[in-house]
N, C-alpha and C. Protein backbone atom coordinates (compact mmCIF):
# COMPACT_ATOMS: atom_id res chain seq x y z
N MET A 1 57.87 80.31 105.74
CA MET A 1 59.20 79.83 105.35
C MET A 1 60.09 79.82 106.58
N LYS A 2 61.16 79.05 106.52
CA LYS A 2 62.16 79.01 107.58
C LYS A 2 63.13 80.18 107.39
N ALA A 3 63.57 80.77 108.51
CA ALA A 3 64.54 81.85 108.45
C ALA A 3 65.34 81.88 109.74
N LEU A 4 66.57 82.38 109.64
CA LEU A 4 67.44 82.57 110.80
C LEU A 4 67.31 84.03 111.22
N VAL A 5 66.70 84.24 112.38
CA VAL A 5 66.27 85.57 112.80
C VAL A 5 67.04 86.02 114.05
N LYS A 6 67.45 87.29 114.01
CA LYS A 6 67.95 87.95 115.22
C LYS A 6 66.73 88.50 115.90
N GLN A 7 66.22 87.79 116.92
CA GLN A 7 64.94 88.15 117.51
C GLN A 7 65.04 89.21 118.60
N SER A 8 66.19 89.25 119.30
CA SER A 8 66.29 90.20 120.40
C SER A 8 67.72 90.69 120.55
N ALA A 9 67.89 91.70 121.37
CA ALA A 9 69.20 92.32 121.60
C ALA A 9 70.00 91.48 122.58
N ALA A 10 70.38 90.30 122.15
CA ALA A 10 71.16 89.37 122.97
C ALA A 10 71.89 88.41 122.06
N ARG A 11 72.84 87.66 122.61
CA ARG A 11 73.61 86.68 121.84
C ARG A 11 72.68 85.64 121.23
N GLY A 12 72.99 85.23 119.99
CA GLY A 12 72.28 84.13 119.37
C GLY A 12 71.39 84.53 118.20
N LEU A 13 70.93 83.51 117.49
CA LEU A 13 69.98 83.62 116.40
C LEU A 13 68.95 82.50 116.59
N THR A 14 67.78 82.65 116.00
CA THR A 14 66.72 81.66 116.15
C THR A 14 66.23 81.21 114.78
N LEU A 15 66.22 79.89 114.56
CA LEU A 15 65.62 79.34 113.35
C LEU A 15 64.12 79.23 113.60
N THR A 16 63.34 79.94 112.80
CA THR A 16 61.91 80.01 113.05
C THR A 16 61.13 80.15 111.75
N ASP A 17 59.82 80.01 111.84
CA ASP A 17 58.94 80.23 110.69
C ASP A 17 58.54 81.69 110.63
N VAL A 18 58.66 82.28 109.45
CA VAL A 18 58.26 83.67 109.21
C VAL A 18 57.45 83.72 107.92
N PRO A 19 56.68 84.77 107.70
CA PRO A 19 55.94 84.87 106.43
C PRO A 19 56.90 85.03 105.25
N GLU A 20 56.53 84.45 104.12
CA GLU A 20 57.29 84.64 102.89
C GLU A 20 57.19 86.11 102.50
N PRO A 21 58.31 86.74 102.07
CA PRO A 21 58.23 88.17 101.74
C PRO A 21 57.36 88.43 100.51
N SER A 22 56.67 89.55 100.54
CA SER A 22 55.94 90.00 99.36
C SER A 22 56.88 90.93 98.59
N ILE A 23 56.59 91.15 97.31
CA ILE A 23 57.45 92.01 96.51
C ILE A 23 56.66 93.20 95.99
N ARG A 24 57.38 94.31 95.83
CA ARG A 24 56.81 95.51 95.21
C ARG A 24 56.94 95.39 93.70
N ASP A 25 56.38 96.35 92.99
CA ASP A 25 56.40 96.31 91.53
C ASP A 25 57.80 96.33 90.93
N ASP A 26 58.78 96.90 91.67
CA ASP A 26 60.15 96.99 91.15
C ASP A 26 61.08 95.94 91.75
N GLU A 27 60.53 94.93 92.39
CA GLU A 27 61.34 93.92 93.08
C GLU A 27 61.15 92.53 92.48
N VAL A 28 62.05 91.63 92.88
CA VAL A 28 61.94 90.22 92.53
C VAL A 28 62.01 89.39 93.80
N LEU A 29 61.43 88.19 93.74
CA LEU A 29 61.51 87.24 94.85
C LEU A 29 62.49 86.16 94.43
N ILE A 30 63.47 85.90 95.28
CA ILE A 30 64.54 84.95 94.98
C ILE A 30 64.49 83.80 95.98
N ARG A 31 64.49 82.57 95.45
CA ARG A 31 64.64 81.39 96.30
C ARG A 31 66.12 81.23 96.57
N VAL A 32 66.53 81.32 97.82
CA VAL A 32 67.94 81.25 98.19
C VAL A 32 68.42 79.82 98.07
N ARG A 33 69.49 79.62 97.31
CA ARG A 33 70.07 78.28 97.12
C ARG A 33 71.39 78.12 97.87
N SER A 34 72.09 79.24 98.13
CA SER A 34 73.35 79.20 98.86
C SER A 34 73.53 80.54 99.56
N ALA A 35 74.03 80.49 100.80
CA ALA A 35 74.28 81.72 101.56
C ALA A 35 75.59 81.58 102.32
N GLY A 36 76.34 82.68 102.39
CA GLY A 36 77.61 82.69 103.08
C GLY A 36 77.52 83.41 104.41
N VAL A 37 78.35 82.99 105.36
CA VAL A 37 78.41 83.63 106.67
C VAL A 37 79.56 84.63 106.66
N CYS A 38 79.24 85.90 106.88
CA CYS A 38 80.21 86.98 106.89
C CYS A 38 80.60 87.31 108.33
N GLY A 39 81.70 88.01 108.49
CA GLY A 39 82.07 88.49 109.82
C GLY A 39 80.98 89.35 110.42
N THR A 40 80.26 90.09 109.59
CA THR A 40 79.13 90.90 110.07
C THR A 40 78.11 90.02 110.76
N ASP A 41 77.83 88.85 110.18
CA ASP A 41 76.86 87.93 110.77
C ASP A 41 77.35 87.41 112.12
N VAL A 42 78.65 87.20 112.24
CA VAL A 42 79.22 86.76 113.51
C VAL A 42 79.05 87.86 114.57
N HIS A 43 79.30 89.10 114.19
CA HIS A 43 79.10 90.22 115.13
C HIS A 43 77.65 90.25 115.60
N ILE A 44 76.72 90.06 114.67
CA ILE A 44 75.30 90.09 115.02
C ILE A 44 74.95 88.91 115.93
N TYR A 45 75.47 87.73 115.61
CA TYR A 45 75.23 86.56 116.46
C TYR A 45 75.74 86.80 117.87
N GLU A 46 76.99 87.29 117.96
CA GLU A 46 77.61 87.52 119.28
C GLU A 46 76.97 88.69 120.02
N TRP A 47 76.34 89.59 119.29
CA TRP A 47 75.75 90.82 119.82
C TRP A 47 76.80 91.64 120.55
N ASP A 48 77.87 91.95 119.80
CA ASP A 48 78.97 92.73 120.35
C ASP A 48 78.65 94.23 120.30
N ALA A 49 79.63 95.05 120.65
CA ALA A 49 79.40 96.50 120.72
C ALA A 49 78.97 97.07 119.37
N TRP A 50 79.59 96.60 118.27
CA TRP A 50 79.20 97.10 116.95
C TRP A 50 77.75 96.76 116.67
N ALA A 51 77.39 95.50 116.84
CA ALA A 51 76.02 95.06 116.52
C ALA A 51 74.99 95.77 117.38
N SER A 52 75.27 95.89 118.67
CA SER A 52 74.28 96.51 119.56
C SER A 52 74.12 98.00 119.27
N GLY A 53 75.15 98.63 118.71
CA GLY A 53 75.05 100.04 118.35
C GLY A 53 74.50 100.28 116.96
N ARG A 54 74.40 99.23 116.15
CA ARG A 54 74.03 99.38 114.74
C ARG A 54 72.70 98.74 114.37
N CYS A 55 72.39 97.60 114.98
CA CYS A 55 71.25 96.78 114.54
C CYS A 55 70.04 96.92 115.45
N LYS A 56 68.86 96.77 114.86
CA LYS A 56 67.61 96.88 115.59
C LYS A 56 66.75 95.65 115.34
N PRO A 57 66.87 94.61 116.20
CA PRO A 57 66.07 93.40 116.03
C PRO A 57 64.57 93.72 116.17
N PRO A 58 63.71 92.88 115.63
CA PRO A 58 64.01 91.60 114.95
C PRO A 58 64.23 91.80 113.45
N PHE A 59 65.09 90.95 112.87
CA PHE A 59 65.31 90.94 111.42
C PHE A 59 65.97 89.62 111.04
N ILE A 60 65.86 89.26 109.77
CA ILE A 60 66.51 88.07 109.22
C ILE A 60 67.94 88.47 108.84
N CYS A 61 68.91 87.68 109.28
CA CYS A 61 70.33 87.97 109.01
C CYS A 61 70.74 87.51 107.62
N GLY A 62 71.98 87.86 107.24
CA GLY A 62 72.61 87.37 106.02
C GLY A 62 72.55 88.32 104.85
N HIS A 63 73.69 88.44 104.13
CA HIS A 63 73.73 89.32 102.95
C HIS A 63 74.56 88.75 101.79
N GLU A 64 75.09 87.55 101.92
CA GLU A 64 75.84 86.91 100.83
C GLU A 64 75.05 85.70 100.35
N PHE A 65 74.59 85.72 99.09
CA PHE A 65 73.73 84.62 98.65
C PHE A 65 73.66 84.51 97.13
N ALA A 66 73.09 83.40 96.68
CA ALA A 66 72.73 83.19 95.27
C ALA A 66 71.49 82.32 95.24
N GLY A 67 70.72 82.44 94.18
CA GLY A 67 69.51 81.65 94.08
C GLY A 67 68.81 81.82 92.75
N ASP A 68 67.52 81.45 92.74
CA ASP A 68 66.69 81.47 91.54
C ASP A 68 65.53 82.45 91.71
N VAL A 69 65.26 83.23 90.68
CA VAL A 69 64.12 84.14 90.70
C VAL A 69 62.83 83.33 90.53
N VAL A 70 61.88 83.54 91.46
CA VAL A 70 60.62 82.80 91.41
C VAL A 70 59.42 83.71 91.16
N ALA A 71 59.60 85.02 91.29
CA ALA A 71 58.53 85.98 90.99
C ALA A 71 59.15 87.33 90.67
N VAL A 72 58.48 88.09 89.79
CA VAL A 72 58.95 89.42 89.43
C VAL A 72 57.80 90.42 89.53
N GLY A 73 58.13 91.65 89.93
CA GLY A 73 57.14 92.71 90.00
C GLY A 73 56.72 93.18 88.63
N ASN A 74 55.61 93.88 88.57
CA ASN A 74 55.02 94.35 87.30
C ASN A 74 55.93 95.27 86.50
N LEU A 75 56.82 96.02 87.17
CA LEU A 75 57.68 96.97 86.47
C LEU A 75 59.04 96.40 86.09
N VAL A 76 59.31 95.15 86.44
CA VAL A 76 60.62 94.55 86.23
C VAL A 76 60.73 94.03 84.80
N GLU A 77 61.77 94.50 84.09
CA GLU A 77 62.02 94.06 82.72
C GLU A 77 63.37 93.36 82.56
N SER A 78 64.29 93.61 83.48
CA SER A 78 65.67 93.11 83.33
C SER A 78 65.88 91.73 83.94
N VAL A 79 64.90 91.21 84.65
CA VAL A 79 65.02 89.93 85.33
C VAL A 79 63.75 89.14 85.04
N LYS A 80 63.90 87.81 84.88
CA LYS A 80 62.72 86.99 84.64
C LYS A 80 62.71 85.77 85.55
N ILE A 81 61.55 85.18 85.71
CA ILE A 81 61.42 83.96 86.51
C ILE A 81 62.34 82.90 85.93
N GLY A 82 63.07 82.22 86.82
CA GLY A 82 64.01 81.18 86.42
C GLY A 82 65.44 81.64 86.32
N ASP A 83 65.69 82.95 86.32
CA ASP A 83 67.06 83.45 86.25
C ASP A 83 67.84 83.02 87.50
N ARG A 84 69.09 82.63 87.28
CA ARG A 84 70.02 82.33 88.37
C ARG A 84 70.73 83.63 88.70
N VAL A 85 70.69 84.05 89.99
CA VAL A 85 71.16 85.38 90.34
C VAL A 85 71.87 85.43 91.69
N THR A 86 72.56 86.53 91.89
CA THR A 86 73.00 87.00 93.19
C THR A 86 72.57 88.46 93.23
N ALA A 87 72.90 89.17 94.31
CA ALA A 87 72.44 90.56 94.38
C ALA A 87 73.37 91.40 95.24
N GLU A 88 73.45 92.67 94.90
CA GLU A 88 74.14 93.68 95.71
C GLU A 88 73.25 93.96 96.92
N GLY A 89 73.82 93.86 98.12
CA GLY A 89 73.05 93.96 99.35
C GLY A 89 72.81 95.35 99.90
N HIS A 90 73.33 96.39 99.24
CA HIS A 90 73.11 97.76 99.69
C HIS A 90 71.94 98.35 98.91
N ILE A 91 70.87 98.64 99.60
CA ILE A 91 69.67 99.17 98.95
C ILE A 91 69.70 100.69 99.08
N VAL A 92 69.78 101.36 97.93
CA VAL A 92 69.88 102.82 97.92
C VAL A 92 68.66 103.42 97.22
N ASP A 93 68.39 104.65 97.54
CA ASP A 93 67.33 105.41 96.88
C ASP A 93 67.95 106.06 95.65
N ASP A 94 67.58 105.58 94.46
CA ASP A 94 68.21 106.10 93.26
C ASP A 94 67.79 107.54 92.94
N ARG A 95 66.90 108.10 93.74
CA ARG A 95 66.50 109.49 93.55
C ARG A 95 67.22 110.44 94.50
N SER A 96 68.00 109.90 95.44
CA SER A 96 68.67 110.77 96.42
C SER A 96 69.79 111.56 95.75
N LEU A 97 70.17 112.66 96.37
CA LEU A 97 71.27 113.48 95.87
C LEU A 97 72.55 112.65 95.74
N PHE A 98 72.80 111.78 96.73
CA PHE A 98 74.00 110.94 96.69
C PHE A 98 74.00 110.05 95.45
N SER A 99 72.90 109.37 95.20
CA SER A 99 72.81 108.48 94.05
C SER A 99 72.94 109.24 92.74
N ARG A 100 72.29 110.37 92.66
CA ARG A 100 72.27 111.12 91.41
C ARG A 100 73.60 111.81 91.11
N THR A 101 74.49 111.88 92.10
CA THR A 101 75.81 112.48 91.87
C THR A 101 76.91 111.41 91.90
N GLY A 102 76.53 110.14 91.79
CA GLY A 102 77.50 109.05 91.74
C GLY A 102 78.10 108.69 93.08
N ASN A 103 77.43 109.04 94.17
CA ASN A 103 77.96 108.78 95.50
C ASN A 103 77.02 107.93 96.36
N ALA A 104 76.30 107.03 95.72
CA ALA A 104 75.34 106.19 96.46
C ALA A 104 76.02 105.39 97.56
N HIS A 105 77.31 105.08 97.38
CA HIS A 105 78.04 104.28 98.37
C HIS A 105 78.22 104.99 99.72
N VAL A 106 77.99 106.30 99.78
CA VAL A 106 78.10 107.02 101.05
C VAL A 106 76.77 107.63 101.48
N ASP A 107 75.69 107.20 100.87
CA ASP A 107 74.36 107.72 101.21
C ASP A 107 73.98 107.22 102.61
N PRO A 108 73.75 108.12 103.56
CA PRO A 108 73.41 107.69 104.92
C PRO A 108 72.07 106.97 105.02
N SER A 109 71.24 107.06 103.99
CA SER A 109 69.95 106.36 104.03
C SER A 109 70.03 104.96 103.42
N THR A 110 71.23 104.50 103.06
CA THR A 110 71.40 103.15 102.51
C THR A 110 70.94 102.11 103.52
N LYS A 111 70.22 101.11 103.03
CA LYS A 111 69.77 99.99 103.86
C LYS A 111 70.50 98.73 103.40
N ILE A 112 71.10 98.01 104.34
CA ILE A 112 71.85 96.80 104.03
C ILE A 112 71.00 95.59 104.41
N ILE A 113 70.87 94.64 103.46
CA ILE A 113 70.11 93.44 103.79
C ILE A 113 70.84 92.67 104.89
N GLY A 114 70.08 92.08 105.79
CA GLY A 114 70.67 91.33 106.88
C GLY A 114 71.21 92.19 108.00
N VAL A 115 71.06 93.50 107.88
CA VAL A 115 71.49 94.45 108.92
C VAL A 115 70.36 95.44 109.20
N ASP A 116 69.91 96.14 108.15
CA ASP A 116 68.86 97.16 108.29
C ASP A 116 67.50 96.67 107.83
N ARG A 117 67.48 95.60 107.06
CA ARG A 117 66.23 95.00 106.59
C ARG A 117 66.48 93.51 106.44
N ASP A 118 65.41 92.75 106.26
CA ASP A 118 65.54 91.29 106.21
C ASP A 118 66.55 90.84 105.16
N GLY A 119 67.34 89.84 105.55
CA GLY A 119 68.41 89.33 104.71
C GLY A 119 68.12 87.97 104.10
N CYS A 120 69.21 87.25 103.79
CA CYS A 120 69.13 86.05 102.97
C CYS A 120 69.22 84.73 103.74
N PHE A 121 69.31 84.76 105.05
CA PHE A 121 69.31 83.49 105.79
C PHE A 121 67.87 83.02 105.93
N ALA A 122 67.27 82.76 104.78
CA ALA A 122 65.87 82.38 104.69
C ALA A 122 65.66 81.62 103.40
N GLU A 123 64.49 81.04 103.26
CA GLU A 123 64.19 80.32 102.02
C GLU A 123 64.01 81.28 100.84
N TYR A 124 63.51 82.49 101.12
CA TYR A 124 63.27 83.48 100.06
C TYR A 124 63.69 84.87 100.54
N ILE A 125 64.09 85.70 99.57
CA ILE A 125 64.40 87.10 99.87
C ILE A 125 63.84 87.98 98.74
N ALA A 126 63.28 89.12 99.11
CA ALA A 126 62.82 90.11 98.14
C ALA A 126 63.94 91.12 97.92
N MET A 127 64.22 91.41 96.64
CA MET A 127 65.29 92.35 96.30
C MET A 127 64.84 93.28 95.18
N PRO A 128 65.28 94.56 95.20
CA PRO A 128 65.03 95.42 94.05
C PRO A 128 65.68 94.82 92.81
N ALA A 129 64.99 94.84 91.70
CA ALA A 129 65.55 94.27 90.46
C ALA A 129 66.85 94.95 90.06
N THR A 130 67.00 96.24 90.40
CA THR A 130 68.23 96.96 90.05
C THR A 130 69.44 96.45 90.81
N ASN A 131 69.24 95.69 91.88
CA ASN A 131 70.34 95.15 92.66
C ASN A 131 70.75 93.74 92.23
N VAL A 132 70.01 93.16 91.31
CA VAL A 132 70.22 91.78 90.91
C VAL A 132 71.34 91.66 89.88
N TRP A 133 72.20 90.66 90.08
CA TRP A 133 73.27 90.33 89.13
C TRP A 133 73.00 88.92 88.62
N HIS A 134 72.98 88.75 87.31
CA HIS A 134 72.76 87.44 86.71
C HIS A 134 74.01 86.58 86.83
N LEU A 135 73.80 85.28 87.05
CA LEU A 135 74.91 84.33 87.12
C LEU A 135 74.96 83.52 85.83
N ASP A 136 76.14 83.37 85.28
CA ASP A 136 76.34 82.48 84.15
C ASP A 136 76.02 81.05 84.61
N ASP A 137 75.51 80.23 83.71
CA ASP A 137 75.16 78.85 84.06
C ASP A 137 76.36 78.05 84.55
N ALA A 138 77.58 78.45 84.17
CA ALA A 138 78.78 77.74 84.59
C ALA A 138 79.18 78.06 86.03
N ILE A 139 78.57 79.07 86.63
CA ILE A 139 78.92 79.48 88.00
C ILE A 139 77.98 78.79 88.98
N SER A 140 78.54 78.07 89.94
CA SER A 140 77.73 77.39 90.94
C SER A 140 77.08 78.41 91.87
N TYR A 141 76.05 77.97 92.58
CA TYR A 141 75.41 78.85 93.56
C TYR A 141 76.39 79.22 94.67
N ASP A 142 77.25 78.27 95.06
CA ASP A 142 78.22 78.57 96.12
C ASP A 142 79.18 79.67 95.69
N ILE A 143 79.67 79.61 94.45
CA ILE A 143 80.56 80.67 93.96
C ILE A 143 79.76 81.95 93.74
N GLY A 144 78.56 81.83 93.21
CA GLY A 144 77.70 83.00 93.01
C GLY A 144 77.43 83.75 94.30
N GLY A 145 77.37 83.00 95.41
CA GLY A 145 77.07 83.61 96.70
C GLY A 145 78.20 84.40 97.31
N ILE A 146 79.39 84.36 96.69
CA ILE A 146 80.53 85.11 97.26
C ILE A 146 80.82 86.39 96.47
N HIS A 147 79.88 86.84 95.66
CA HIS A 147 80.09 88.09 94.93
C HIS A 147 80.29 89.27 95.88
N ASP A 148 79.62 89.28 97.02
CA ASP A 148 79.75 90.40 97.97
C ASP A 148 81.18 90.52 98.50
N PRO A 149 81.75 89.48 99.14
CA PRO A 149 83.13 89.66 99.62
C PRO A 149 84.13 89.79 98.49
N MET A 150 83.89 89.10 97.37
CA MET A 150 84.79 89.24 96.22
C MET A 150 84.77 90.68 95.71
N GLY A 151 83.59 91.28 95.69
CA GLY A 151 83.48 92.68 95.27
C GLY A 151 84.26 93.61 96.19
N ASN A 152 84.24 93.32 97.49
CA ASN A 152 85.03 94.13 98.43
C ASN A 152 86.52 94.02 98.11
N ALA A 153 86.97 92.80 97.80
CA ALA A 153 88.38 92.60 97.47
C ALA A 153 88.75 93.33 96.18
N PHE A 154 87.90 93.23 95.16
CA PHE A 154 88.15 93.94 93.90
C PHE A 154 88.23 95.44 94.13
N HIS A 155 87.23 95.96 94.84
CA HIS A 155 87.17 97.41 95.05
C HIS A 155 88.44 97.90 95.76
N THR A 156 88.85 97.17 96.77
CA THR A 156 90.02 97.59 97.54
C THR A 156 91.31 97.42 96.75
N ALA A 157 91.52 96.23 96.19
CA ALA A 157 92.79 95.96 95.50
C ALA A 157 92.97 96.86 94.28
N LEU A 158 91.92 97.08 93.54
CA LEU A 158 92.08 97.80 92.28
C LEU A 158 92.05 99.32 92.43
N THR A 159 92.06 99.81 93.68
CA THR A 159 92.25 101.25 93.87
C THR A 159 93.73 101.61 93.76
N ALA A 160 94.61 100.61 93.78
CA ALA A 160 96.06 100.84 93.71
C ALA A 160 96.57 100.55 92.30
N GLU A 161 97.80 101.00 92.02
CA GLU A 161 98.47 100.71 90.76
C GLU A 161 99.12 99.33 90.91
N ILE A 162 98.45 98.29 90.48
CA ILE A 162 98.90 96.92 90.71
C ILE A 162 99.94 96.43 89.69
N PRO A 163 99.78 96.64 88.38
CA PRO A 163 100.71 96.05 87.41
C PRO A 163 102.17 96.42 87.70
N GLY A 164 103.00 95.39 87.85
CA GLY A 164 104.42 95.60 88.08
C GLY A 164 104.80 95.96 89.50
N SER A 165 103.83 96.09 90.39
CA SER A 165 104.11 96.53 91.76
C SER A 165 104.36 95.36 92.71
N VAL A 166 105.02 95.68 93.82
CA VAL A 166 105.12 94.77 94.95
C VAL A 166 103.95 95.12 95.86
N VAL A 167 103.12 94.13 96.18
CA VAL A 167 101.88 94.36 96.92
C VAL A 167 101.95 93.67 98.27
N LEU A 168 101.55 94.37 99.32
CA LEU A 168 101.41 93.78 100.65
C LEU A 168 99.93 93.74 100.98
N ILE A 169 99.44 92.56 101.31
CA ILE A 169 98.05 92.38 101.73
C ILE A 169 98.09 92.03 103.21
N THR A 170 97.46 92.86 104.02
CA THR A 170 97.44 92.61 105.46
C THR A 170 96.07 92.05 105.82
N GLY A 171 96.06 90.80 106.25
CA GLY A 171 94.84 90.09 106.57
C GLY A 171 94.58 89.01 105.54
N CYS A 172 94.56 87.75 105.98
CA CYS A 172 94.43 86.62 105.06
C CYS A 172 93.12 85.86 105.26
N GLY A 173 92.09 86.59 105.65
CA GLY A 173 90.76 86.00 105.67
C GLY A 173 90.28 85.85 104.24
N PRO A 174 89.00 85.54 104.05
CA PRO A 174 88.49 85.34 102.68
C PRO A 174 88.75 86.54 101.76
N ILE A 175 88.51 87.76 102.22
CA ILE A 175 88.69 88.92 101.35
C ILE A 175 90.18 89.12 101.04
N GLY A 176 91.05 88.94 102.01
CA GLY A 176 92.48 89.03 101.75
C GLY A 176 92.94 87.97 100.77
N ALA A 177 92.43 86.74 100.92
CA ALA A 177 92.80 85.66 99.99
C ALA A 177 92.31 85.97 98.58
N PHE A 178 91.09 86.53 98.47
CA PHE A 178 90.60 86.95 97.15
C PHE A 178 91.52 88.02 96.57
N ALA A 179 91.96 88.95 97.40
CA ALA A 179 92.81 90.05 96.93
C ALA A 179 94.14 89.52 96.38
N VAL A 180 94.65 88.44 96.95
CA VAL A 180 95.89 87.84 96.43
C VAL A 180 95.68 87.43 94.97
N GLY A 181 94.60 86.70 94.70
CA GLY A 181 94.33 86.27 93.34
C GLY A 181 94.07 87.43 92.39
N ILE A 182 93.37 88.43 92.87
CA ILE A 182 93.07 89.61 92.05
C ILE A 182 94.36 90.34 91.68
N CYS A 183 95.23 90.53 92.67
CA CYS A 183 96.50 91.23 92.40
C CYS A 183 97.38 90.42 91.45
N LYS A 184 97.36 89.10 91.59
CA LYS A 184 98.13 88.25 90.67
C LYS A 184 97.60 88.41 89.26
N ALA A 185 96.27 88.35 89.10
CA ALA A 185 95.66 88.49 87.77
C ALA A 185 95.88 89.88 87.19
N ALA A 186 96.00 90.89 88.07
CA ALA A 186 96.20 92.27 87.62
C ALA A 186 97.66 92.59 87.30
N GLY A 187 98.56 91.60 87.47
CA GLY A 187 99.95 91.79 87.04
C GLY A 187 100.92 92.25 88.11
N ALA A 188 100.64 92.00 89.37
CA ALA A 188 101.59 92.37 90.42
C ALA A 188 102.90 91.61 90.22
N ALA A 189 104.03 92.30 90.44
CA ALA A 189 105.34 91.67 90.30
C ALA A 189 105.59 90.69 91.44
N ARG A 190 105.16 91.05 92.62
CA ARG A 190 105.35 90.21 93.80
C ARG A 190 104.22 90.53 94.79
N ILE A 191 103.73 89.51 95.46
CA ILE A 191 102.64 89.69 96.44
C ILE A 191 103.08 89.07 97.75
N ARG A 192 102.94 89.81 98.82
CA ARG A 192 103.20 89.32 100.16
C ARG A 192 101.90 89.48 100.96
N ALA A 193 101.49 88.43 101.63
CA ALA A 193 100.29 88.47 102.45
C ALA A 193 100.68 88.15 103.88
N ARG A 194 100.17 88.92 104.81
CA ARG A 194 100.53 88.76 106.22
C ARG A 194 99.27 88.76 107.08
N ASP A 195 99.34 87.98 108.17
CA ASP A 195 98.23 87.95 109.13
C ASP A 195 98.80 87.49 110.48
N ILE A 196 97.99 87.61 111.50
CA ILE A 196 98.37 87.15 112.84
C ILE A 196 98.08 85.66 112.91
N ASN A 197 99.06 84.89 113.38
CA ASN A 197 98.88 83.46 113.52
C ASN A 197 99.29 83.05 114.93
N PRO A 198 98.31 82.82 115.80
CA PRO A 198 98.65 82.52 117.19
C PRO A 198 99.41 81.22 117.32
């Protein structure tokens, strides 16, 4: 299959042929239909200080996507072939102390697709079935592929008391723009968004 690979510790990515991923009994294989470019992917492409201190090439980049399930492992019951899906890109060990105490989000052994393991800038991606989110038929693949940044905006915005409040959003990139809509829907009295504009 074709994939966009970070092959070495230097600037750039390479479009190349790689083997199609195999799946374990608890995983599904997804044909990627839409993928988004995140700031993380830009850091990896540029090979800046963050990327060089965090990433270990070679790996397939990308963590925002939507697609169709084309194969399921023997233990998978919640997902079937043909399902339209997106997926949570943080792979956690559900047996770890962090996961079992409701703190999987801070588990140091978490693996992120497109950073710590192969990601979605490819024709296919293998994902644990527990990470899969089903898409309603009315949701396009392009919209389905933005669940990751939208989730970041929801998580951040809804940690505050929004109804009736005056809200300041600093940063008007995609996540900041999503946060504006979320705060409006959550009943903010007034929303101000600010960013640097050269």
